[in-house]
Structures are given as structure tokens and as C-alpha cells.
Amino acid sequence: MARKVGTAKPRSWPRPRVVWITRAQPGADATAERVRKLGLEAIVAPLLEVRPIADAALDLTDVCALVFTSANAVAAFARRSDVRNLRVFTVGDATALAARAQRFAAVLSAQGDVSALASALAARRRELPGVILYPAAAEPSQDLAGALAAIGLDVRQTALYETALITPTEALTARLPEVEGVLVHSAKAARALAAWLKQHPAPHLAAFCLSPQVARPLSRAALAIRVAAPAPNETALLSLIAPA
């Protein structure tokens, strides 16, 4: 079973030299570049693949704002619609950056998690007289639509993409004894990793997770350590493997 380690400094775990990036593309390549800038070797081997839902219906009737919880959601919406004049609320800064890159002008980042995003929208409810459109994955990791409905906001959740599991390559399996750390960005990837490790034990491996929720599926995995980032964003995640 993995030994859970807190995030207090100085850290009590060794810094990995070879890091496995499990997140889906295109984000995996961006993460790998940041890891390499820390002086570490990055191995890109996603456990998930993002696929658009071809027949998804996108209804913008009475929509006054958009909410995005990932850059994948931004990209999925941008492929389906050229509307850019709606207000945008995002879960964090990386998603906000993706929205601005798609030419959305009015973008506000909650700089946190789904709860922070719901709170940001609740604080501006008088400015949101219509429907809030939530472009989402087919299986969202958290119930943002439920959280918004619970505070009296009119939300329309629309699944525009799905994430499919990918089996790690033979090349990754062959290098597993050298891999010292793995970055996990989602609970779905964590579940896939936990299942794969049952067949490919790696008790030397340190798992660095985006949040406690992401880390939870790895609680029974045979890992050296399992650490959650101090905040649910990639900068905080990478701080766990940055030079001391």
C-alpha cells in the first residue's frame, strides 16, 4: 500500500529523476516540457485519450455565460461553435489561458477547484440572468452542474467529449524500473494507473497527484509514496518535484 506523504516543506521524499506523464494529449506534451525545464527526464505515455462526441447537440438558446473545467472542454466547444462573445468562467488559470487562446475576451478564473468555481458564479448570480452552459466530458469527475443548480443557477450541461483509456506501451513497460515518479492529473487516470499497476508492480514508484480527490483511487496501490499537490493546479503539482 502506498505511503501517504504530506506536502509540508522540506519535503520528505526523494526528487525523481525520470517522470512519467500520464495526462492526455495535447496537455501531456506541455507538461513534459515543464518537467524537462526542471532538469528531469519526462516520458510521455498517456493513460487517457480525448475524443470528441460527434453527434453532441450544442444548444446556445438563452445562454448568458460558459463554464469550463478543463482545456479539453474549451477545445471541444471551440471546435463546435464560433461564438466568442459570452462571458467565460473557468476552474483555474490554465483553463482560462486556453479560453483566451481561443479568443474569448471576458474570462474569469476561479483559481481553485469546482467548489471555488461554483462560489465565483454564486457571487455574480445577479449578472447571470440566463442559462449557464457547461460544456463537459461524458463522465465529469465532479458534479459542477449539481452544485450550480443547488445554489439556484440555471445550468445546461452538455457532453462534448469523452476520455477513453489507453494501455501503456511496451516501451513504457520496459522502462518502468527506471521511472521514479508519475504525474497524475485526474481521478480517471488514477484509477487506470491503479489497475495497470496490479499487473505491473512498481513499489519504487512515487505518485504525484493534482489533488486529494485524484490521489484517492491510488490509496491501495503498491507505491513508494502518494502525494497530493497543495493546490489543484499544475504549478502546485510540479512544485512537488521541483528543486528544493
C-alpha atoms as a PDB file:
ATOM      1  CA  MET A   1       0.000   0.000   0.000  1.00  0.00           C
ATOM      2  CA  ALA A   2       1.264   3.474  -0.841  1.00  0.00           C
ATOM      3  CA  ARG A   3       2.643   5.595   1.973  1.00  0.00           C
ATOM      4  CA  LYS A   4       0.833   8.920   2.007  1.00  0.00           C
ATOM      5  CA  VAL A   5       3.126  11.893   2.479  1.00  0.00           C
ATOM      6  CA  GLY A   6       2.125  15.452   3.339  1.00  0.00           C
ATOM      7  CA  THR A   7       3.202  18.434   1.294  1.00  0.00           C
ATOM      8  CA  ALA A   8       4.927  20.395   4.050  1.00  0.00           C
ATOM      9  CA  LYS A   9       8.434  21.685   3.319  1.00  0.00           C
ATOM     10  CA  PRO A  10      11.085  20.480   3.398  1.00  0.00           C
ATOM     11  CA  ARG A  11       9.696  17.542   1.534  1.00  0.00           C
ATOM     12  CA  SER A  12      10.322  14.080   2.910  1.00  0.00           C
ATOM     13  CA  TRP A  13      10.558  12.208  -0.378  1.00  0.00           C
ATOM     14  CA  PRO A  14      13.407  11.952  -2.914  1.00  0.00           C
ATOM     15  CA  ARG A  15      13.183  14.030  -6.064  1.00  0.00           C
ATOM     16  CA  PRO A  16      12.522  11.771  -9.069  1.00  0.00           C
ATOM     17  CA  ARG A  17      14.917  11.896 -12.000  1.00  0.00           C
ATOM     18  CA  VAL A  18      12.631  10.173 -14.528  1.00  0.00           C
ATOM     19  CA  VAL A  19       8.969  11.226 -14.572  1.00  0.00           C
ATOM     20  CA  TRP A  20       6.049   9.550 -16.350  1.00  0.00           C
ATOM     21  CA  ILE A  21       3.431  11.950 -17.759  1.00  0.00           C
ATOM     22  CA  THR A  22       0.037  10.201 -17.808  1.00  0.00           C
ATOM     23  CA  ARG A  23      -2.304  13.024 -18.851  1.00  0.00           C
ATOM     24  CA  ALA A  24      -3.999  13.098 -22.255  1.00  0.00           C
ATOM     25  CA  GLN A  25      -2.650  14.988 -25.244  1.00  0.00           C
ATOM     26  CA  PRO A  26      -2.171  17.763 -26.089  1.00  0.00           C
ATOM     27  CA  GLY A  27      -1.661  18.683 -22.442  1.00  0.00           C
ATOM     28  CA  ALA A  28       0.854  15.866 -21.934  1.00  0.00           C
ATOM     29  CA  ASP A  29       3.433  17.474 -24.204  1.00  0.00           C
ATOM     30  CA  ALA A  30       3.064  20.840 -22.456  1.00  0.00           C
ATOM     31  CA  THR A  31       3.534  19.187 -19.057  1.00  0.00           C
ATOM     32  CA  ALA A  32       6.555  17.261 -20.325  1.00  0.00           C
ATOM     33  CA  GLU A  33       8.191  20.491 -21.460  1.00  0.00           C
ATOM     34  CA  ARG A  34       7.729  21.988 -17.983  1.00  0.00           C
ATOM     35  CA  VAL A  35       9.184  18.851 -16.398  1.00  0.00           C
ATOM     36  CA  ARG A  36      12.247  18.995 -18.655  1.00  0.00           C
ATOM     37  CA  LYS A  37      12.810  22.615 -17.681  1.00  0.00           C
ATOM     38  CA  LEU A  38      13.163  21.338 -14.110  1.00  0.00           C
ATOM     39  CA  GLY A  39      16.119  19.277 -15.281  1.00  0.00           C
ATOM     40  CA  LEU A  40      14.251  15.958 -15.238  1.00  0.00           C
ATOM     41  CA  GLU A  41      13.599  13.361 -17.905  1.00  0.00           C
ATOM     42  CA  ALA A  42       9.958  13.240 -18.979  1.00  0.00           C
ATOM     43  CA  ILE A  43       8.345  10.167 -20.511  1.00  0.00           C
ATOM     44  CA  VAL A  44       5.046  10.924 -22.242  1.00  0.00           C
ATOM     45  CA  ALA A  45       2.752   7.879 -22.078  1.00  0.00           C
ATOM     46  CA  PRO A  46      -0.885   8.997 -21.630  1.00  0.00           C
ATOM     47  CA  LEU A  47      -3.387   6.750 -19.887  1.00  0.00           C
ATOM     48  CA  LEU A  48      -6.294   8.648 -21.463  1.00  0.00           C
ATOM     49  CA  GLU A  49      -7.250   9.873 -24.915  1.00  0.00           C
ATOM     50  CA  VAL A  50      -9.680  12.731 -25.532  1.00  0.00           C
ATOM     51  CA  ARG A  51     -12.288  12.022 -28.221  1.00  0.00           C
ATOM     52  CA  PRO A  52     -14.985  14.440 -29.439  1.00  0.00           C
ATOM     53  CA  ILE A  53     -18.589  13.262 -29.350  1.00  0.00           C
ATOM     54  CA  ALA A  54     -19.569  13.652 -32.991  1.00  0.00           C
ATOM     55  CA  ASP A  55     -23.355  13.817 -32.540  1.00  0.00           C
ATOM     56  CA  ALA A  56     -23.405  16.070 -29.468  1.00  0.00           C
ATOM     57  CA  ALA A  57     -26.123  18.748 -29.669  1.00  0.00           C
ATOM     58  CA  LEU A  58     -24.950  22.240 -28.702  1.00  0.00           C
ATOM     59  CA  ASP A  59     -27.865  24.482 -27.714  1.00  0.00           C
ATOM     60  CA  LEU A  60     -26.955  28.124 -27.048  1.00  0.00           C
ATOM     61  CA  THR A  61     -30.536  29.341 -26.556  1.00  0.00           C
ATOM     62  CA  ASP A  62     -30.714  31.924 -23.723  1.00  0.00           C
ATOM     63  CA  VAL A  63     -27.105  31.209 -22.713  1.00  0.00           C
ATOM     64  CA  CYS A  64     -25.506  34.106 -20.827  1.00  0.00           C
ATOM     65  CA  ALA A  65     -22.183  32.510 -19.830  1.00  0.00           C
ATOM     66  CA  LEU A  66     -19.954  29.480 -20.278  1.00  0.00           C
ATOM     67  CA  VAL A  67     -18.197  27.458 -17.589  1.00  0.00           C
ATOM     68  CA  PHE A  68     -15.156  25.339 -18.353  1.00  0.00           C
ATOM     69  CA  THR A  69     -13.402  22.914 -16.034  1.00  0.00           C
ATOM     70  CA  SER A  70     -10.604  21.924 -18.417  1.00  0.00           C
ATOM     71  CA  ALA A  71      -8.718  22.993 -21.505  1.00  0.00           C
ATOM     72  CA  ASN A  72     -10.196  19.930 -23.223  1.00  0.00           C
ATOM     73  CA  ALA A  73     -13.674  21.370 -22.707  1.00  0.00           C
ATOM     74  CA  VAL A  74     -12.559  24.709 -24.168  1.00  0.00           C
ATOM     75  CA  ALA A  75     -11.160  22.977 -27.239  1.00  0.00           C
ATOM     76  CA  ALA A  76     -14.277  20.836 -27.645  1.00  0.00           C
ATOM     77  CA  PHE A  77     -16.553  23.898 -27.545  1.00  0.00           C
ATOM     78  CA  ALA A  78     -14.303  25.877 -29.908  1.00  0.00           C
ATOM     79  CA  ARG A  79     -14.485  23.067 -32.476  1.00  0.00           C
ATOM     80  CA  ARG A  80     -18.280  23.139 -32.416  1.00  0.00           C
ATOM     81  CA  SER A  81     -19.028  26.872 -32.210  1.00  0.00           C
ATOM     82  CA  ASP A  82     -17.542  30.186 -33.304  1.00  0.00           C
ATOM     83  CA  VAL A  83     -19.364  32.091 -30.527  1.00  0.00           C
ATOM     84  CA  ARG A  84     -16.794  34.067 -28.519  1.00  0.00           C
ATOM     85  CA  ASN A  85     -18.801  36.959 -27.052  1.00  0.00           C
ATOM     86  CA  LEU A  86     -20.121  35.106 -23.987  1.00  0.00           C
ATOM     87  CA  ARG A  87     -18.643  35.538 -20.526  1.00  0.00           C
ATOM     88  CA  VAL A  88     -16.434  32.642 -19.525  1.00  0.00           C
ATOM     89  CA  PHE A  89     -15.774  31.266 -16.040  1.00  0.00           C
ATOM     90  CA  THR A  90     -13.019  28.684 -15.611  1.00  0.00           C
ATOM     91  CA  VAL A  91     -11.919  26.439 -12.778  1.00  0.00           C
ATOM     92  CA  GLY A  92      -8.292  27.581 -12.912  1.00  0.00           C
ATOM     93  CA  ASP A  93      -5.672  29.667 -14.654  1.00  0.00           C
ATOM     94  CA  ALA A  94      -4.590  27.007 -17.172  1.00  0.00           C
ATOM     95  CA  THR A  95      -8.159  26.635 -18.415  1.00  0.00           C
ATOM     96  CA  ALA A  96      -8.510  30.430 -18.521  1.00  0.00           C
ATOM     97  CA  LEU A  97      -5.359  30.628 -20.647  1.00  0.00           C
ATOM     98  CA  ALA A  98      -6.837  28.067 -23.049  1.00  0.00           C
ATOM     99  CA  ALA A  99     -10.042  30.127 -23.289  1.00  0.00           C
ATOM    100  CA  ARG A 100      -8.135  33.319 -24.035  1.00  0.00           C
ATOM    101  CA  ALA A 101      -6.141  31.467 -26.683  1.00  0.00           C
ATOM    102  CA  GLN A 102      -9.485  30.685 -28.356  1.00  0.00           C
ATOM    103  CA  ARG A 103     -10.233  34.449 -28.433  1.00  0.00           C
ATOM    104  CA  PHE A 104     -12.764  34.612 -25.604  1.00  0.00           C
ATOM    105  CA  ALA A 105     -12.419  38.157 -24.311  1.00  0.00           C
ATOM    106  CA  ALA A 106     -14.179  38.103 -20.923  1.00  0.00           C
ATOM    107  CA  VAL A 107     -12.594  35.267 -18.932  1.00  0.00           C
ATOM    108  CA  LEU A 108     -12.567  34.878 -15.145  1.00  0.00           C
ATOM    109  CA  SER A 109     -10.554  32.167 -13.397  1.00  0.00           C
ATOM    110  CA  ALA A 110     -11.758  30.787 -10.042  1.00  0.00           C
ATOM    111  CA  GLN A 111      -8.137  29.825  -9.304  1.00  0.00           C
ATOM    112  CA  GLY A 112      -9.205  26.689  -7.496  1.00  0.00           C
ATOM    113  CA  ASP A 113     -11.459  23.682  -7.819  1.00  0.00           C
ATOM    114  CA  VAL A 114     -15.095  23.061  -8.748  1.00  0.00           C
ATOM    115  CA  SER A 115     -16.271  24.400  -5.386  1.00  0.00           C
ATOM    116  CA  ALA A 116     -14.364  27.645  -5.968  1.00  0.00           C
ATOM    117  CA  LEU A 117     -15.885  27.906  -9.438  1.00  0.00           C
ATOM    118  CA  ALA A 118     -19.409  27.428  -8.084  1.00  0.00           C
ATOM    119  CA  SER A 119     -18.744  30.099  -5.440  1.00  0.00           C
ATOM    120  CA  ALA A 120     -17.480  32.539  -8.082  1.00  0.00           C
ATOM    121  CA  LEU A 121     -20.670  32.079 -10.089  1.00  0.00           C
ATOM    122  CA  ALA A 122     -22.872  32.362  -6.988  1.00  0.00           C
ATOM    123  CA  ALA A 123     -21.243  35.702  -6.145  1.00  0.00           C
ATOM    124  CA  ARG A 124     -22.223  37.003  -9.598  1.00  0.00           C
ATOM    125  CA  ARG A 125     -25.688  35.499  -9.885  1.00  0.00           C
ATOM    126  CA  ARG A 126     -27.282  38.951 -10.490  1.00  0.00           C
ATOM    127  CA  GLU A 127     -25.054  39.340 -13.542  1.00  0.00           C
ATOM    128  CA  LEU A 128     -26.177  35.960 -14.953  1.00  0.00           C
ATOM    129  CA  PRO A 129     -29.865  36.269 -15.895  1.00  0.00           C
ATOM    130  CA  GLY A 130     -29.912  33.420 -18.403  1.00  0.00           C
ATOM    131  CA  VAL A 131     -28.626  29.877 -18.807  1.00  0.00           C
ATOM    132  CA  ILE A 132     -25.073  28.935 -17.876  1.00  0.00           C
ATOM    133  CA  LEU A 133     -23.758  26.440 -20.425  1.00  0.00           C
ATOM    134  CA  TYR A 134     -21.402  23.802 -19.070  1.00  0.00           C
ATOM    135  CA  PRO A 135     -19.550  22.003 -21.906  1.00  0.00           C
ATOM    136  CA  ALA A 136     -18.344  18.844 -20.195  1.00  0.00           C
ATOM    137  CA  ALA A 137     -16.891  15.390 -20.539  1.00  0.00           C
ATOM    138  CA  ALA A 138     -19.254  12.448 -20.904  1.00  0.00           C
ATOM    139  CA  GLU A 139     -18.243  11.407 -17.374  1.00  0.00           C
ATOM    140  CA  PRO A 140     -17.289  14.555 -15.403  1.00  0.00           C
ATOM    141  CA  SER A 141     -15.077  13.891 -12.402  1.00  0.00           C
ATOM    142  CA  GLN A 142     -17.192  16.238 -10.247  1.00  0.00           C
ATOM    143  CA  ASP A 143     -20.829  17.361 -10.309  1.00  0.00           C
ATOM    144  CA  LEU A 144     -20.500  21.042 -11.206  1.00  0.00           C
ATOM    145  CA  ALA A 145     -23.983  21.135 -12.721  1.00  0.00           C
ATOM    146  CA  GLY A 146     -25.451  19.829  -9.475  1.00  0.00           C
ATOM    147  CA  ALA A 147     -23.506  22.372  -7.436  1.00  0.00           C
ATOM    148  CA  LEU A 148     -24.763  25.248  -9.602  1.00  0.00           C
ATOM    149  CA  ALA A 149     -28.353  24.020  -9.578  1.00  0.00           C
ATOM    150  CA  ALA A 150     -28.198  23.720  -5.783  1.00  0.00           C
ATOM    151  CA  ILE A 151     -27.485  27.443  -5.474  1.00  0.00           C
ATOM    152  CA  GLY A 152     -30.308  28.381  -7.813  1.00  0.00           C
ATOM    153  CA  LEU A 153     -28.443  28.930 -11.069  1.00  0.00           C
ATOM    154  CA  ASP A 154     -29.879  27.729 -14.376  1.00  0.00           C
ATOM    155  CA  VAL A 155     -27.253  25.392 -15.836  1.00  0.00           C
ATOM    156  CA  ARG A 156     -27.258  23.327 -19.034  1.00  0.00           C
ATOM    157  CA  GLN A 157     -24.672  20.566 -19.022  1.00  0.00           C
ATOM    158  CA  THR A 158     -23.661  19.316 -22.482  1.00  0.00           C
ATOM    159  CA  ALA A 159     -21.252  16.445 -23.078  1.00  0.00           C
ATOM    160  CA  LEU A 160     -18.956  17.392 -25.968  1.00  0.00           C
ATOM    161  CA  TYR A 161     -16.092  14.933 -25.465  1.00  0.00           C
ATOM    162  CA  GLU A 162     -15.150  11.719 -23.743  1.00  0.00           C
ATOM    163  CA  THR A 163     -11.934  10.279 -22.387  1.00  0.00           C
ATOM    164  CA  ALA A 164     -11.008   6.730 -23.366  1.00  0.00           C
ATOM    165  CA  LEU A 165      -8.460   4.563 -21.584  1.00  0.00           C
ATOM    166  CA  ILE A 166      -5.124   3.816 -23.252  1.00  0.00           C
ATOM    167  CA  THR A 167      -2.961   0.847 -22.310  1.00  0.00           C
ATOM    168  CA  PRO A 168       0.651   1.906 -21.664  1.00  0.00           C
ATOM    169  CA  THR A 169       3.037   0.939 -24.431  1.00  0.00           C
ATOM    170  CA  GLU A 170       5.559  -1.874 -24.254  1.00  0.00           C
ATOM    171  CA  ALA A 171       8.272   0.795 -24.350  1.00  0.00           C
ATOM    172  CA  LEU A 172       6.913   2.359 -21.152  1.00  0.00           C
ATOM    173  CA  THR A 173       6.607  -1.047 -19.508  1.00  0.00           C
ATOM    174  CA  ALA A 174      10.224  -1.838 -20.368  1.00  0.00           C
ATOM    175  CA  ARG A 175      11.387   1.419 -18.804  1.00  0.00           C
ATOM    176  CA  LEU A 176       9.219   1.141 -15.699  1.00  0.00           C
ATOM    177  CA  PRO A 177      12.123   0.099 -13.410  1.00  0.00           C
ATOM    178  CA  GLU A 178      13.828   3.422 -14.293  1.00  0.00           C
ATOM    179  CA  VAL A 179      10.738   5.576 -13.766  1.00  0.00           C
ATOM    180  CA  GLU A 180      10.839   7.128 -10.310  1.00  0.00           C
ATOM    181  CA  GLY A 181       7.835   9.442 -10.395  1.00  0.00           C
ATOM    182  CA  VAL A 182       4.451   9.598 -12.104  1.00  0.00           C
ATOM    183  CA  LEU A 183       2.258  12.688 -12.526  1.00  0.00           C
ATOM    184  CA  VAL A 184      -1.487  12.059 -12.297  1.00  0.00           C
ATOM    185  CA  HIS A 185      -3.895  14.815 -13.338  1.00  0.00           C
ATOM    186  CA  SER A 186      -7.307  13.141 -12.980  1.00  0.00           C
ATOM    187  CA  ALA A 187      -9.136  10.564 -10.903  1.00  0.00           C
ATOM    188  CA  LYS A 188      -9.911   8.556 -14.040  1.00  0.00           C
ATOM    189  CA  ALA A 189      -6.202   8.352 -14.878  1.00  0.00           C
ATOM    190  CA  ALA A 190      -5.505   7.389 -11.267  1.00  0.00           C
ATOM    191  CA  ARG A 191      -7.993   4.522 -11.496  1.00  0.00           C
ATOM    192  CA  ALA A 192      -6.394   3.357 -14.741  1.00  0.00           C
ATOM    193  CA  LEU A 193      -2.941   3.550 -13.179  1.00  0.00           C
ATOM    194  CA  ALA A 194      -4.027   1.592 -10.116  1.00  0.00           C
ATOM    195  CA  ALA A 195      -5.480  -1.177 -12.294  1.00  0.00           C
ATOM    196  CA  TRP A 196      -2.378  -1.334 -14.513  1.00  0.00           C
ATOM    197  CA  LEU A 197      -0.015  -1.487 -11.540  1.00  0.00           C
ATOM    198  CA  LYS A 198      -1.733  -4.645 -10.330  1.00  0.00           C
ATOM    199  CA  GLN A 199      -0.270  -6.372 -13.389  1.00  0.00           C
ATOM    200  CA  HIS A 200       2.970  -4.359 -13.451  1.00  0.00           C
ATOM    201  CA  PRO A 201       4.078  -3.799  -9.846  1.00  0.00           C
ATOM    202  CA  ALA A 202       6.278  -0.767  -9.234  1.00  0.00           C
ATOM    203  CA  PRO A 203       6.756  -0.429  -5.460  1.00  0.00           C
ATOM    204  CA  HIS A 204       9.565   2.071  -6.068  1.00  0.00           C
ATOM    205  CA  LEU A 205       7.252   4.500  -7.900  1.00  0.00           C
ATOM    206  CA  ALA A 206       6.222   7.841  -6.360  1.00  0.00           C
ATOM    207  CA  ALA A 207       2.800   9.142  -7.443  1.00  0.00           C
ATOM    208  CA  PHE A 208       2.320  12.921  -7.534  1.00  0.00           C
ATOM    209  CA  CYS A 209      -1.367  13.817  -7.874  1.00  0.00           C
ATOM    210  CA  LEU A 210      -3.189  17.030  -8.741  1.00  0.00           C
ATOM    211  CA  SER A 211      -5.463  16.881  -5.695  1.00  0.00           C
ATOM    212  CA  PRO A 212      -6.537  14.610  -2.837  1.00  0.00           C
ATOM    213  CA  GLN A 213      -9.520  13.537  -4.961  1.00  0.00           C
ATOM    214  CA  VAL A 214      -7.138  12.472  -7.744  1.00  0.00           C
ATOM    215  CA  ALA A 215      -4.909  10.643  -5.264  1.00  0.00           C
ATOM    216  CA  ARG A 216      -7.753   8.672  -3.668  1.00  0.00           C
ATOM    217  CA  PRO A 217      -8.001   5.858  -6.272  1.00  0.00           C
ATOM    218  CA  LEU A 218      -4.321   5.096  -5.644  1.00  0.00           C
ATOM    219  CA  SER A 219      -4.751   4.617  -1.897  1.00  0.00           C
ATOM    220  CA  ARG A 220      -4.372   0.839  -2.126  1.00  0.00           C
ATOM    221  CA  ALA A 221      -1.762   0.754  -4.893  1.00  0.00           C
ATOM    222  CA  ALA A 222       1.682  -0.634  -4.128  1.00  0.00           C
ATOM    223  CA  LEU A 223       3.624   2.612  -4.441  1.00  0.00           C
ATOM    224  CA  ALA A 224       6.560   4.118  -2.600  1.00  0.00           C
ATOM    225  CA  ILE A 225       4.578   7.281  -1.833  1.00  0.00           C
ATOM    226  CA  ARG A 226       1.381   9.037  -2.879  1.00  0.00           C
ATOM    227  CA  VAL A 227       1.384  12.827  -2.633  1.00  0.00           C
ATOM    228  CA  ALA A 228      -1.344  15.382  -3.403  1.00  0.00           C
ATOM    229  CA  ALA A 229      -0.428  18.857  -4.643  1.00  0.00           C
ATOM    230  CA  PRO A 230      -1.016  21.717  -2.157  1.00  0.00           C
ATOM    231  CA  ALA A 231      -3.413  23.346  -4.676  1.00  0.00           C
ATOM    232  CA  PRO A 232      -5.334  21.839  -7.626  1.00  0.00           C
ATOM    233  CA  ASN A 233      -3.202  23.275 -10.421  1.00  0.00           C
ATOM    234  CA  GLU A 234      -0.186  22.108 -12.371  1.00  0.00           C
ATOM    235  CA  THR A 235       2.187  24.692 -10.926  1.00  0.00           C
ATOM    236  CA  ALA A 236       1.496  23.327  -7.442  1.00  0.00           C
ATOM    237  CA  LEU A 237       1.796  19.769  -8.758  1.00  0.00           C
ATOM    238  CA  LEU A 238       5.200  20.437 -10.291  1.00  0.00           C
ATOM    239  CA  SER A 239       6.361  22.089  -7.071  1.00  0.00           C
ATOM    240  CA  LEU A 240       6.417  18.580  -5.603  1.00  0.00           C
ATOM    241  CA  ILE A 241       9.265  17.607  -7.952  1.00  0.00           C
ATOM    242  CA  ALA A 242      10.966  20.993  -8.360  1.00  0.00           C
ATOM    243  CA  PRO A 243      14.464  21.637  -6.988  1.00  0.00           C
ATOM    244  CA  ALA A 244      14.378  22.236  -3.238  1.00  0.00           C
END
